């Protein structure tokens, strides 16, 4: 790719990012009520996305080989318990990730 093509590509990516960031604020301004469907999506999509991420992360786990999925199970239990106790998403995710990494490196 030439330098000119690289500049055009970066500019188009920046414009596309700006449009997707600001367009919802322009469309759903304080003057108009947010449609019920959009409010529903705002409530339904986050748990669905987290569920999809869990399934994606666990798709390669085999209970018949290696560590039998124990590091994954222990990290999930820690993440869920910490989230139910503290209700802090970032803390739960970081602690579960660190626990999983430590388990696979030093225990299993």
PDB file of N, CA and C in Angstrom:
ATOM      1  N   UNK A   1       0.839  -1.176   0.000  1.00  0.00           N
ATOM      2  CA  UNK A   1       0.000   0.000   0.000  1.00  0.00           C
ATOM      3  C   UNK A   1       0.886   1.242   0.000  1.00  0.00           C
ATOM      4  N   UNK A   2       0.527   2.186  -0.817  1.00  0.00           N
ATOM      5  CA  UNK A   2       1.294   3.426  -0.871  1.00  0.00           C
ATOM      6  C   UNK A   2       0.954   4.289   0.341  1.00  0.00           C
ATOM      7  N   UNK A   3       1.767   5.322   0.562  1.00  0.00           N
ATOM      8  CA  UNK A   3       1.532   6.229   1.682  1.00  0.00           C
ATOM      9  C   UNK A   3       0.180   6.922   1.546  1.00  0.00           C
ATOM     10  N   UNK A   4      -0.157   7.293   0.325  1.00  0.00           N
ATOM     11  CA  UNK A   4      -1.450   7.954   0.087  1.00  0.00           C
ATOM     12  C   UNK A   4      -2.619   7.021   0.431  1.00  0.00           C
ATOM     13  N   UNK A   5      -2.518   5.762   0.046  1.00  0.00           N
ATOM     14  CA  UNK A   5      -3.562   4.797   0.365  1.00  0.00           C
ATOM     15  C   UNK A   5      -3.668   4.558   1.875  1.00  0.00           C
ATOM     16  N   UNK A   6      -2.539   4.537   2.554  1.00  0.00           N
ATOM     17  CA  UNK A   6      -2.549   4.364   4.005  1.00  0.00           C
ATOM     18  C   UNK A   6      -3.230   5.533   4.703  1.00  0.00           C
ATOM     19  N   UNK A   7      -2.946   6.738   4.251  1.00  0.00           N
ATOM     20  CA  UNK A   7      -3.568   7.935   4.838  1.00  0.00           C
ATOM     21  C   UNK A   7      -5.071   7.914   4.608  1.00  0.00           C
ATOM     22  N   UNK A   8      -5.491   7.568   3.391  1.00  0.00           N
ATOM     23  CA  UNK A   8      -6.925   7.495   3.086  1.00  0.00           C
ATOM     24  C   UNK A   8      -7.598   6.419   3.940  1.00  0.00           C
ATOM     25  N   UNK A   9      -6.963   5.264   4.088  1.00  0.00           N
ATOM     26  CA  UNK A   9      -7.533   4.177   4.886  1.00  0.00           C
ATOM     27  C   UNK A   9      -7.692   4.594   6.348  1.00  0.00           C
ATOM     28  N   UNK A  10      -6.680   5.196   6.913  1.00  0.00           N
ATOM     29  CA  UNK A  10      -6.740   5.645   8.310  1.00  0.00           C
ATOM     30  C   UNK A  10      -7.799   6.724   8.474  1.00  0.00           C
ATOM     31  N   UNK A  11      -7.894   7.641   7.530  1.00  0.00           N
ATOM     32  CA  UNK A  11      -8.899   8.703   7.611  1.00  0.00           C
ATOM     33  C   UNK A  11     -10.310   8.123   7.542  1.00  0.00           C
ATOM     34  N   UNK A  12     -10.546   7.174   6.646  1.00  0.00           N
ATOM     35  CA  UNK A  12     -11.865   6.553   6.540  1.00  0.00           C
ATOM     36  C   UNK A  12     -12.227   5.774   7.813  1.00  0.00           C
ATOM     37  N   UNK A  13     -11.248   5.094   8.393  1.00  0.00           N
ATOM     38  CA  UNK A  13     -11.496   4.382   9.659  1.00  0.00           C
ATOM     39  C   UNK A  13     -11.825   5.365  10.777  1.00  0.00           C
ATOM     40  N   UNK A  14     -11.117   6.477  10.827  1.00  0.00           N
ATOM     41  CA  UNK A  14     -11.380   7.490  11.855  1.00  0.00           C
ATOM     42  C   UNK A  14     -12.766   8.100  11.670  1.00  0.00           C
ATOM     43  N   UNK A  15     -13.133   8.408  10.443  1.00  0.00           N
ATOM     44  CA  UNK A  15     -14.460   8.973  10.174  1.00  0.00           C
ATOM     45  C   UNK A  15     -15.561   7.966  10.528  1.00  0.00           C
ATOM     46  N   UNK A  16     -15.363   6.704  10.143  1.00  0.00           N
ATOM     47  CA  UNK A  16     -16.340   5.670  10.481  1.00  0.00           C
ATOM     48  C   UNK A  16     -16.500   5.509  11.978  1.00  0.00           C
ATOM     49  N   UNK A  17     -15.398   5.560  12.714  1.00  0.00           N
ATOM     50  CA  UNK A  17     -15.460   5.453  14.175  1.00  0.00           C
ATOM     51  C   UNK A  17     -16.192   6.642  14.776  1.00  0.00           C
ATOM     52  N   UNK A  18     -15.886   7.834  14.304  1.00  0.00           N
ATOM     53  CA  UNK A  18     -16.556   9.036  14.826  1.00  0.00           C
ATOM     54  C   UNK A  18     -18.054   9.004  14.548  1.00  0.00           C
ATOM     55  N   UNK A  19     -18.417   8.574  13.350  1.00  0.00           N
ATOM     56  CA  UNK A  19     -19.846   8.508  13.006  1.00  0.00           C
ATOM     57  C   UNK A  19     -20.577   7.529  13.921  1.00  0.00           C
ATOM     58  N   UNK A  20     -19.991   6.332  14.139  1.00  0.00           N
ATOM     59  CA  UNK A  20     -20.667   5.356  14.988  1.00  0.00           C
ATOM     60  C   UNK A  20     -20.709   5.790  16.447  1.00  0.00           C
ATOM     61  N   UNK A  21     -19.788   6.632  16.871  1.00  0.00           N
ATOM     62  CA  UNK A  21     -19.789   7.115  18.257  1.00  0.00           C
ATOM     63  C   UNK A  21     -20.795   8.244  18.468  1.00  0.00           C
ATOM     64  N   UNK A  22     -20.902   9.166  17.512  1.00  0.00           N
ATOM     65  CA  UNK A  22     -21.740  10.348  17.709  1.00  0.00           C
ATOM     66  C   UNK A  22     -23.155  10.214  17.166  1.00  0.00           C
ATOM     67  N   UNK A  23     -23.367   9.315  16.209  1.00  0.00           N
ATOM     68  CA  UNK A  23     -24.681   9.183  15.595  1.00  0.00           C
ATOM     69  C   UNK A  23     -25.798   8.853  16.590  1.00  0.00           C
ATOM     70  N   UNK A  24     -25.603   7.948  17.537  1.00  0.00           N
ATOM     71  CA  UNK A  24     -26.685   7.691  18.502  1.00  0.00           C
ATOM     72  C   UNK A  24     -27.078   8.932  19.301  1.00  0.00           C
ATOM     73  N   UNK A  25     -26.110   9.775  19.641  1.00  0.00           N
ATOM     74  CA  UNK A  25     -26.424  10.988  20.395  1.00  0.00           C
ATOM     75  C   UNK A  25     -27.182  12.005  19.542  1.00  0.00           C
ATOM     76  N   UNK A  26     -26.938  11.982  18.246  1.00  0.00           N
ATOM     77  CA  UNK A  26     -27.657  12.884  17.348  1.00  0.00           C
ATOM     78  C   UNK A  26     -29.071  12.363  17.096  1.00  0.00           C
ATOM     79  N   UNK A  27     -29.187  11.054  16.859  1.00  0.00           N
ATOM     80  CA  UNK A  27     -30.499  10.474  16.566  1.00  0.00           C
ATOM     81  C   UNK A  27     -31.398  10.480  17.790  1.00  0.00           C
ATOM     82  N   UNK A  28     -30.858  10.076  18.936  1.00  0.00           N
ATOM     83  CA  UNK A  28     -31.651   9.975  20.155  1.00  0.00           C
ATOM     84  C   UNK A  28     -31.298  11.116  21.104  1.00  0.00           C
ATOM     85  N   UNK A  29     -31.554  12.318  20.687  1.00  0.00           N
ATOM     86  CA  UNK A  29     -31.266  13.472  21.524  1.00  0.00           C
ATOM     87  C   UNK A  29     -32.279  13.561  22.660  1.00  0.00           C
ATOM     88  N   UNK A  30     -32.064  14.485  23.573  1.00  0.00           N
ATOM     89  CA  UNK A  30     -32.967  14.658  24.712  1.00  0.00           C
ATOM     90  C   UNK A  30     -34.344  15.162  24.288  1.00  0.00           C
ATOM     91  N   UNK A  31     -34.436  15.682  23.082  1.00  0.00           N
ATOM     92  CA  UNK A  31     -35.703  16.227  22.608  1.00  0.00           C
ATOM     93  C   UNK A  31     -36.706  15.130  22.262  1.00  0.00           C
ATOM     94  N   UNK A  32     -36.200  13.985  21.817  1.00  0.00           N
ATOM     95  CA  UNK A  32     -37.075  12.885  21.429  1.00  0.00           C
ATOM     96  C   UNK A  32     -36.922  11.725  22.395  1.00  0.00           C
ATOM     97  N   UNK A  33     -38.001  11.011  22.596  1.00  0.00           N
ATOM     98  CA  UNK A  33     -37.973   9.845  23.469  1.00  0.00           C
ATOM     99  C   UNK A  33     -37.321   8.674  22.741  1.00  0.00           C
ATOM    100  N   UNK A  34     -36.494   7.930  23.467  1.00  0.00           N
ATOM    101  CA  UNK A  34     -35.843   6.759  22.895  1.00  0.00           C
ATOM    102  C   UNK A  34     -36.896   5.678  22.647  1.00  0.00           C
ATOM    103  N   UNK A  35     -36.917   5.091  21.453  1.00  0.00           N
ATOM    104  CA  UNK A  35     -37.914   4.061  21.149  1.00  0.00           C
ATOM    105  C   UNK A  35     -37.820   2.878  22.114  1.00  0.00           C
ATOM    106  N   UNK A  36     -38.943   2.243  22.365  1.00  0.00           N
ATOM    107  CA  UNK A  36     -39.003   1.114  23.303  1.00  0.00           C
ATOM    108  C   UNK A  36     -38.109  -0.036  22.849  1.00  0.00           C
ATOM    109  N   UNK A  37     -38.019  -0.247  21.534  1.00  0.00           N
ATOM    110  CA  UNK A  37     -37.180  -1.325  21.017  1.00  0.00           C
ATOM    111  C   UNK A  37     -35.708  -1.094  21.343  1.00  0.00           C
ATOM    112  N   UNK A  38     -35.251   0.133  21.234  1.00  0.00           N
ATOM    113  CA  UNK A  38     -33.859   0.454  21.546  1.00  0.00           C
ATOM    114  C   UNK A  38     -33.613   0.293  23.048  1.00  0.00           C
ATOM    115  N   UNK A  39     -34.576   0.683  23.875  1.00  0.00           N
ATOM    116  CA  UNK A  39     -34.439   0.482  25.318  1.00  0.00           C
ATOM    117  C   UNK A  39     -34.383  -1.002  25.651  1.00  0.00           C
ATOM    118  N   UNK A  40     -35.213  -1.796  24.964  1.00  0.00           N
ATOM    119  CA  UNK A  40     -35.191  -3.244  25.170  1.00  0.00           C
ATOM    120  C   UNK A  40     -33.821  -3.822  24.808  1.00  0.00           C
ATOM    121  N   UNK A  41     -33.271  -3.398  23.664  1.00  0.00           N
ATOM    122  CA  UNK A  41     -31.951  -3.879  23.260  1.00  0.00           C
ATOM    123  C   UNK A  41     -30.885  -3.507  24.284  1.00  0.00           C
ATOM    124  N   UNK A  42     -31.010  -2.311  24.863  1.00  0.00           N
ATOM    125  CA  UNK A  42     -30.060  -1.878  25.879  1.00  0.00           C
ATOM    126  C   UNK A  42     -30.093  -2.748  27.125  1.00  0.00           C
ATOM    127  N   UNK A  43     -31.246  -3.345  27.397  1.00  0.00           N
ATOM    128  CA  UNK A  43     -31.369  -4.217  28.570  1.00  0.00           C
ATOM    129  C   UNK A  43     -31.054  -5.673  28.235  1.00  0.00           C
ATOM    130  N   UNK A  44     -31.377  -6.114  27.026  1.00  0.00           N
ATOM    131  CA  UNK A  44     -31.244  -7.529  26.676  1.00  0.00           C
ATOM    132  C   UNK A  44     -29.872  -7.905  26.126  1.00  0.00           C
ATOM    133  N   UNK A  45     -29.217  -7.005  25.427  1.00  0.00           N
ATOM    134  CA  UNK A  45     -27.968  -7.374  24.770  1.00  0.00           C
ATOM    135  C   UNK A  45     -26.787  -7.618  25.710  1.00  0.00           C
ATOM    136  N   UNK A  46     -26.567  -6.818  26.756  1.00  0.00           N
ATOM    137  CA  UNK A  46     -25.396  -7.094  27.604  1.00  0.00           C
ATOM    138  C   UNK A  46     -25.353  -8.505  28.183  1.00  0.00           C
ATOM    139  N   UNK A  47     -26.446  -9.028  28.788  1.00  0.00           N
ATOM    140  CA  UNK A  47     -26.358 -10.411  29.263  1.00  0.00           C
ATOM    141  C   UNK A  47     -26.178 -11.422  28.125  1.00  0.00           C
ATOM    142  N   UNK A  48     -26.792 -11.161  26.982  1.00  0.00           N
ATOM    143  CA  UNK A  48     -26.650 -12.071  25.841  1.00  0.00           C
ATOM    144  C   UNK A  48     -25.211 -12.096  25.346  1.00  0.00           C
ATOM    145  N   UNK A  49     -24.570 -10.950  25.300  1.00  0.00           N
ATOM    146  CA  UNK A  49     -23.182 -10.880  24.846  1.00  0.00           C
ATOM    147  C   UNK A  49     -22.262 -11.581  25.833  1.00  0.00           C
ATOM    148  N   UNK A  50     -22.498 -11.378  27.132  1.00  0.00           N
ATOM    149  CA  UNK A  50     -21.683 -12.084  28.126  1.00  0.00           C
ATOM    150  C   UNK A  50     -21.875 -13.589  28.013  1.00  0.00           C
ATOM    151  N   UNK A  51     -23.102 -14.025  27.812  1.00  0.00           N
ATOM    152  CA  UNK A  51     -23.358 -15.453  27.631  1.00  0.00           C
ATOM    153  C   UNK A  51     -22.629 -16.009  26.423  1.00  0.00           C
ATOM    154  N   UNK A  52     -22.641 -15.259  25.327  1.00  0.00           N
ATOM    155  CA  UNK A  52     -21.950 -15.687  24.122  1.00  0.00           C
ATOM    156  C   UNK A  52     -20.439 -15.747  24.359  1.00  0.00           C
ATOM    157  N   UNK A  53     -19.891 -14.797  25.105  1.00  0.00           N
ATOM    158  CA  UNK A  53     -18.463 -14.818  25.408  1.00  0.00           C
ATOM    159  C   UNK A  53     -18.086 -16.023  26.259  1.00  0.00           C
ATOM    160  N   UNK A  54     -18.936 -16.381  27.220  1.00  0.00           N
ATOM    161  CA  UNK A  54     -18.672 -17.552  28.055  1.00  0.00           C
ATOM    162  C   UNK A  54     -18.660 -18.814  27.198  1.00  0.00           C
ATOM    163  N   UNK A  55     -19.647 -18.957  26.336  1.00  0.00           N
ATOM    164  CA  UNK A  55     -19.700 -20.130  25.458  1.00  0.00           C
ATOM    165  C   UNK A  55     -18.475 -20.165  24.547  1.00  0.00           C
ATOM    166  N   UNK A  56     -18.082 -19.023  23.999  1.00  0.00           N
ATOM    167  CA  UNK A  56     -16.913 -18.965  23.114  1.00  0.00           C
ATOM    168  C   UNK A  56     -15.642 -19.347  23.872  1.00  0.00           C
ATOM    169  N   UNK A  57     -15.503 -18.857  25.098  1.00  0.00           N
ATOM    170  CA  UNK A  57     -14.295 -19.153  25.878  1.00  0.00           C
ATOM    171  C   UNK A  57     -14.219 -20.616  26.294  1.00  0.00           C
ATOM    172  N   UNK A  58     -15.350 -21.255  26.477  1.00  0.00           N
ATOM    173  CA  UNK A  58     -15.356 -22.638  26.960  1.00  0.00           C
ATOM    174  C   UNK A  58     -15.494 -23.673  25.846  1.00  0.00           C
ATOM    175  N   UNK A  59     -15.563 -23.237  24.592  1.00  0.00           N
ATOM    176  CA  UNK A  59     -15.808 -24.180  23.500  1.00  0.00           C
ATOM    177  C   UNK A  59     -14.679 -25.186  23.311  1.00  0.00           C
ATOM    178  N   UNK A  60     -13.468 -24.854  23.688  1.00  0.00           N
ATOM    179  CA  UNK A  60     -12.346 -25.761  23.489  1.00  0.00           C
ATOM    180  C   UNK A  60     -11.985 -26.581  24.718  1.00  0.00           C
ATOM    181  N   UNK A  61     -12.740 -26.450  25.784  1.00  0.00           N
ATOM    182  CA  UNK A  61     -12.432 -27.168  27.023  1.00  0.00           C
ATOM    183  C   UNK A  61     -12.889 -28.611  26.910  1.00  0.00           C
ATOM    184  N   UNK A  62     -11.993 -29.527  27.235  1.00  0.00           N
ATOM    185  CA  UNK A  62     -12.323 -30.952  27.202  1.00  0.00           C
ATOM    186  C   UNK A  62     -12.269 -31.503  28.628  1.00  0.00           C
ATOM    187  N   UNK A  63     -13.368 -32.095  29.067  1.00  0.00           N
ATOM    188  CA  UNK A  63     -13.402 -32.662  30.408  1.00  0.00           C
ATOM    189  C   UNK A  63     -12.752 -34.038  30.448  1.00  0.00           C
ATOM    190  N   UNK A  64     -12.345 -34.561  29.294  1.00  0.00           N
ATOM    191  CA  UNK A  64     -11.749 -35.890  29.229  1.00  0.00           C
ATOM    192  C   UNK A  64     -10.236 -35.852  29.032  1.00  0.00           C
ATOM    193  N   UNK A  65      -9.647 -34.666  28.903  1.00  0.00           N
ATOM    194  CA  UNK A  65      -8.215 -34.557  28.666  1.00  0.00           C
ATOM    195  C   UNK A  65      -7.606 -33.513  29.587  1.00  0.00           C
ATOM    196  N   UNK A  66      -6.314 -33.591  29.766  1.00  0.00           N
ATOM    197  CA  UNK A  66      -5.558 -32.582  30.489  1.00  0.00           C
ATOM    198  C   UNK A  66      -6.054 -32.332  31.902  1.00  0.00           C
ATOM    199  N   UNK A  67      -6.374 -31.105  32.185  1.00  0.00           N
ATOM    200  CA  UNK A  67      -6.796 -30.709  33.534  1.00  0.00           C
ATOM    201  C   UNK A  67      -8.295 -30.893  33.744  1.00  0.00           C
ATOM    202  N   UNK A  68      -8.980 -31.447  32.751  1.00  0.00           N
ATOM    203  CA  UNK A  68     -10.415 -31.770  32.840  1.00  0.00           C
ATOM    204  C   UNK A  68     -11.296 -30.543  33.057  1.00  0.00           C
ATOM    205  N   UNK A  69     -10.829 -29.362  32.672  1.00  0.00           N
ATOM    206  CA  UNK A  69     -11.636 -28.153  32.793  1.00  0.00           C
ATOM    207  C   UNK A  69     -11.681 -27.568  34.190  1.00  0.00           C
ATOM    208  N   UNK A  70     -10.854 -28.075  35.099  1.00  0.00           N
ATOM    209  CA  UNK A  70     -10.869 -27.562  36.471  1.00  0.00           C
ATOM    210  C   UNK A  70     -10.422 -26.104  36.590  1.00  0.00           C
ATOM    211  N   UNK A  71      -9.361 -25.661  35.897  1.00  0.00           N
ATOM    212  CA  UNK A  71      -8.992 -24.247  36.012  1.00  0.00           C
ATOM    213  C   UNK A  71     -10.112 -23.320  35.538  1.00  0.00           C
ATOM    214  N   UNK A  72     -10.764 -23.705  34.457  1.00  0.00           N
ATOM    215  CA  UNK A  72     -11.862 -22.896  33.935  1.00  0.00           C
ATOM    216  C   UNK A  72     -13.017 -22.841  34.925  1.00  0.00           C
ATOM    217  N   UNK A  73     -13.367 -24.000  35.477  1.00  0.00           N
ATOM    218  CA  UNK A  73     -14.472 -24.071  36.436  1.00  0.00           C
ATOM    219  C   UNK A  73     -14.169 -23.250  37.690  1.00  0.00           C
ATOM    220  N   UNK A  74     -12.962 -23.375  38.221  1.00  0.00           N
ATOM    221  CA  UNK A  74     -12.593 -22.620  39.426  1.00  0.00           C
ATOM    222  C   UNK A  74     -12.590 -21.112  39.158  1.00  0.00           C
ATOM    223  N   UNK A  75     -12.090 -20.707  37.996  1.00  0.00           N
ATOM    224  CA  UNK A  75     -12.068 -19.283  37.656  1.00  0.00           C
ATOM    225  C   UNK A  75     -13.488 -18.747  37.474  1.00  0.00           C
ATOM    226  N   UNK A  76     -14.366 -19.536  36.876  1.00  0.00           N
ATOM    227  CA  UNK A  76     -15.761 -19.109  36.706  1.00  0.00           C
ATOM    228  C   UNK A  76     -16.447 -18.988  38.063  1.00  0.00           C
ATOM    229  N   UNK A  77     -16.228 -19.962  38.944  1.00  0.00           N
ATOM    230  CA  UNK A  77     -16.830 -19.905  40.279  1.00  0.00           C
ATOM    231  C   UNK A  77     -16.352 -18.661  41.024  1.00  0.00           C
ATOM    232  N   UNK A  78     -15.042 -18.373  40.944  1.00  0.00           N
ATOM    233  CA  UNK A  78     -14.509 -17.178  41.599  1.00  0.00           C
ATOM    234  C   UNK A  78     -15.122 -15.918  41.012  1.00  0.00           C
ATOM    235  N   UNK A  79     -15.217 -15.843  39.685  1.00  0.00           N
ATOM    236  CA  UNK A  79     -15.772 -14.662  39.028  1.00  0.00           C
ATOM    237  C   UNK A  79     -17.224 -14.433  39.434  1.00  0.00           C
ATOM    238  N   UNK A  80     -18.033 -15.481  39.404  1.00  0.00           N
ATOM    239  CA  UNK A  80     -19.447 -15.357  39.762  1.00  0.00           C
ATOM    240  C   UNK A  80     -19.607 -14.988  41.231  1.00  0.00           C
ATOM    241  N   UNK A  81     -18.861 -15.658  42.103  1.00  0.00           N
ATOM    242  CA  UNK A  81     -18.968 -15.375  43.540  1.00  0.00           C
ATOM    243  C   UNK A  81     -18.544 -13.947  43.855  1.00  0.00           C
ATOM    244  N   UNK A  82     -17.453 -13.515  43.261  1.00  0.00           N
ATOM    245  CA  UNK A  82     -16.980 -12.152  43.501  1.00  0.00           C
ATOM    246  C   UNK A  82     -17.974 -11.127  42.973  1.00  0.00           C
ATOM    247  N   UNK A  83     -18.579 -11.426  41.827  1.00  0.00           N
ATOM    248  CA  UNK A  83     -19.552 -10.484  41.280  1.00  0.00           C
ATOM    249  C   UNK A  83     -20.822 -10.438  42.135  1.00  0.00           C
ATOM    250  N   UNK A  84     -21.281 -11.583  42.609  1.00  0.00           N
ATOM    251  CA  UNK A  84     -22.464 -11.590  43.466  1.00  0.00           C
ATOM    252  C   UNK A  84     -22.191 -10.886  44.790  1.00  0.00           C
ATOM    253  N   UNK A  85     -20.962 -10.973  45.273  1.00  0.00           N
ATOM    254  CA  UNK A  85     -20.608 -10.361  46.553  1.00  0.00           C
ATOM    255  C   UNK A  85     -20.385  -8.851  46.416  1.00  0.00           C
ATOM    256  N   UNK A  86     -19.590  -8.428  45.425  1.00  0.00           N
ATOM    257  CA  UNK A  86     -19.192  -7.026  45.305  1.00  0.00           C
ATOM    258  C   UNK A  86     -19.996  -6.227  44.278  1.00  0.00           C
ATOM    259  N   UNK A  87     -20.579  -6.894  43.289  1.00  0.00           N
ATOM    260  CA  UNK A  87     -21.316  -6.219  42.203  1.00  0.00           C
ATOM    261  C   UNK A  87     -20.441  -5.229  41.432  1.00  0.00           C
ATOM    262  N   UNK A  88     -19.192  -5.595  41.221  1.00  0.00           N
ATOM    263  CA  UNK A  88     -18.262  -4.758  40.452  1.00  0.00           C
ATOM    264  C   UNK A  88     -17.743  -5.594  39.288  1.00  0.00           C
ATOM    265  N   UNK A  89     -18.244  -5.293  38.104  1.00  0.00           N
ATOM    266  CA  UNK A  89     -17.951  -6.102  36.929  1.00  0.00           C
ATOM    267  C   UNK A  89     -16.460  -6.164  36.628  1.00  0.00           C
ATOM    268  N   UNK A  90     -15.802  -5.015  36.613  1.00  0.00           N
ATOM    269  CA  UNK A  90     -14.383  -5.000  36.264  1.00  0.00           C
ATOM    270  C   UNK A  90     -13.567  -5.809  37.261  1.00  0.00           C
ATOM    271  N   UNK A  91     -13.856  -5.668  38.540  1.00  0.00           N
ATOM    272  CA  UNK A  91     -13.154  -6.436  39.566  1.00  0.00           C
ATOM    273  C   UNK A  91     -13.362  -7.936  39.348  1.00  0.00           C
ATOM    274  N   UNK A  92     -14.582  -8.340  39.059  1.00  0.00           N
ATOM    275  CA  UNK A  92     -14.885  -9.755  38.853  1.00  0.00           C
ATOM    276  C   UNK A  92     -14.132 -10.313  37.653  1.00  0.00           C
ATOM    277  N   UNK A  93     -14.139  -9.582  36.552  1.00  0.00           N
ATOM    278  CA  UNK A  93     -13.482 -10.050  35.334  1.00  0.00           C
ATOM    279  C   UNK A  93     -11.973 -10.127  35.524  1.00  0.00           C
ATOM    280  N   UNK A  94     -11.388  -9.102  36.117  1.00  0.00           N
ATOM    281  CA  UNK A  94      -9.932  -9.083  36.320  1.00  0.00           C
ATOM    282  C   UNK A  94      -9.512 -10.194  37.273  1.00  0.00           C
ATOM    283  N   UNK A  95     -10.232 -10.351  38.383  1.00  0.00           N
ATOM    284  CA  UNK A  95      -9.877 -11.391  39.353  1.00  0.00           C
ATOM    285  C   UNK A  95     -10.016 -12.782  38.746  1.00  0.00           C
ATOM    286  N   UNK A  96     -11.089 -13.022  37.988  1.00  0.00           N
ATOM    287  CA  UNK A  96     -11.272 -14.319  37.350  1.00  0.00           C
ATOM    288  C   UNK A  96     -10.189 -14.613  36.330  1.00  0.00           C
ATOM    289  N   UNK A  97      -9.809 -13.600  35.565  1.00  0.00           N
ATOM    290  CA  UNK A  97      -8.760 -13.770  34.561  1.00  0.00           C
ATOM    291  C   UNK A  97      -7.420 -14.071  35.215  1.00  0.00           C
ATOM    292  N   UNK A  98      -7.083 -13.306  36.245  1.00  0.00           N
ATOM    293  CA  UNK A  98      -5.814 -13.535  36.950  1.00  0.00           C
ATOM    294  C   UNK A  98      -5.804 -14.916  37.607  1.00  0.00           C
ATOM    295  N   UNK A  99      -6.918 -15.288  38.232  1.00  0.00           N
ATOM    296  CA  UNK A  99      -6.997 -16.611  38.855  1.00  0.00           C
ATOM    297  C   UNK A  99      -6.804 -17.713  37.817  1.00  0.00           C
ATOM    298  N   UNK A 100      -7.435 -17.574  36.663  1.00  0.00           N
ATOM    299  CA  UNK A 100      -7.291 -18.584  35.610  1.00  0.00           C
ATOM    300  C   UNK A 100      -5.842 -18.676  35.139  1.00  0.00           C
ATOM    301  N   UNK A 101      -5.217 -17.526  34.902  1.00  0.00           N
ATOM    302  CA  UNK A 101      -3.825 -17.533  34.438  1.00  0.00           C
ATOM    303  C   UNK A 101      -2.905 -18.173  35.470  1.00  0.00           C
ATOM    304  N   UNK A 102      -3.104 -17.853  36.751  1.00  0.00           N
ATOM    305  CA  UNK A 102      -2.277 -18.454  37.798  1.00  0.00           C
ATOM    306  C   UNK A 102      -2.521 -19.954  37.893  1.00  0.00           C
ATOM    307  N   UNK A 103      -3.770 -20.375  37.785  1.00  0.00           N
ATOM    308  CA  UNK A 103      -4.093 -21.801  37.855  1.00  0.00           C
ATOM    309  C   UNK A 103      -3.426 -22.594  36.728  1.00  0.00           C
ATOM    310  N   UNK A 104      -3.513 -22.080  35.510  1.00  0.00           N
ATOM    311  CA  UNK A 104      -2.931 -22.863  34.401  1.00  0.00           C
ATOM    312  C   UNK A 104      -1.416 -22.805  34.383  1.00  0.00           C
ATOM    313  N   UNK A 105      -0.823 -21.759  34.982  1.00  0.00           N
ATOM    314  CA  UNK A 105       0.627 -21.650  34.984  1.00  0.00           C
ATOM    315  C   UNK A 105       1.276 -22.426  36.132  1.00  0.00           C
ATOM    316  N   UNK A 106       0.651 -22.393  37.299  1.00  0.00           N
ATOM    317  CA  UNK A 106       1.325 -22.921  38.481  1.00  0.00           C
ATOM    318  C   UNK A 106       0.656 -24.132  39.128  1.00  0.00           C
ATOM    319  N   UNK A 107      -0.602 -24.397  38.860  1.00  0.00           N
ATOM    320  CA  UNK A 107      -1.290 -25.496  39.544  1.00  0.00           C
ATOM    321  C   UNK A 107      -1.538 -26.665  38.597  1.00  0.00           C
ATOM    322  N   UNK A 108      -2.079 -26.410  37.440  1.00  0.00           N
ATOM    323  CA  UNK A 108      -2.448 -27.501  36.534  1.00  0.00           C
ATOM    324  C   UNK A 108      -1.489 -27.629  35.388  1.00  0.00           C
TER     325      UNK A 108
END
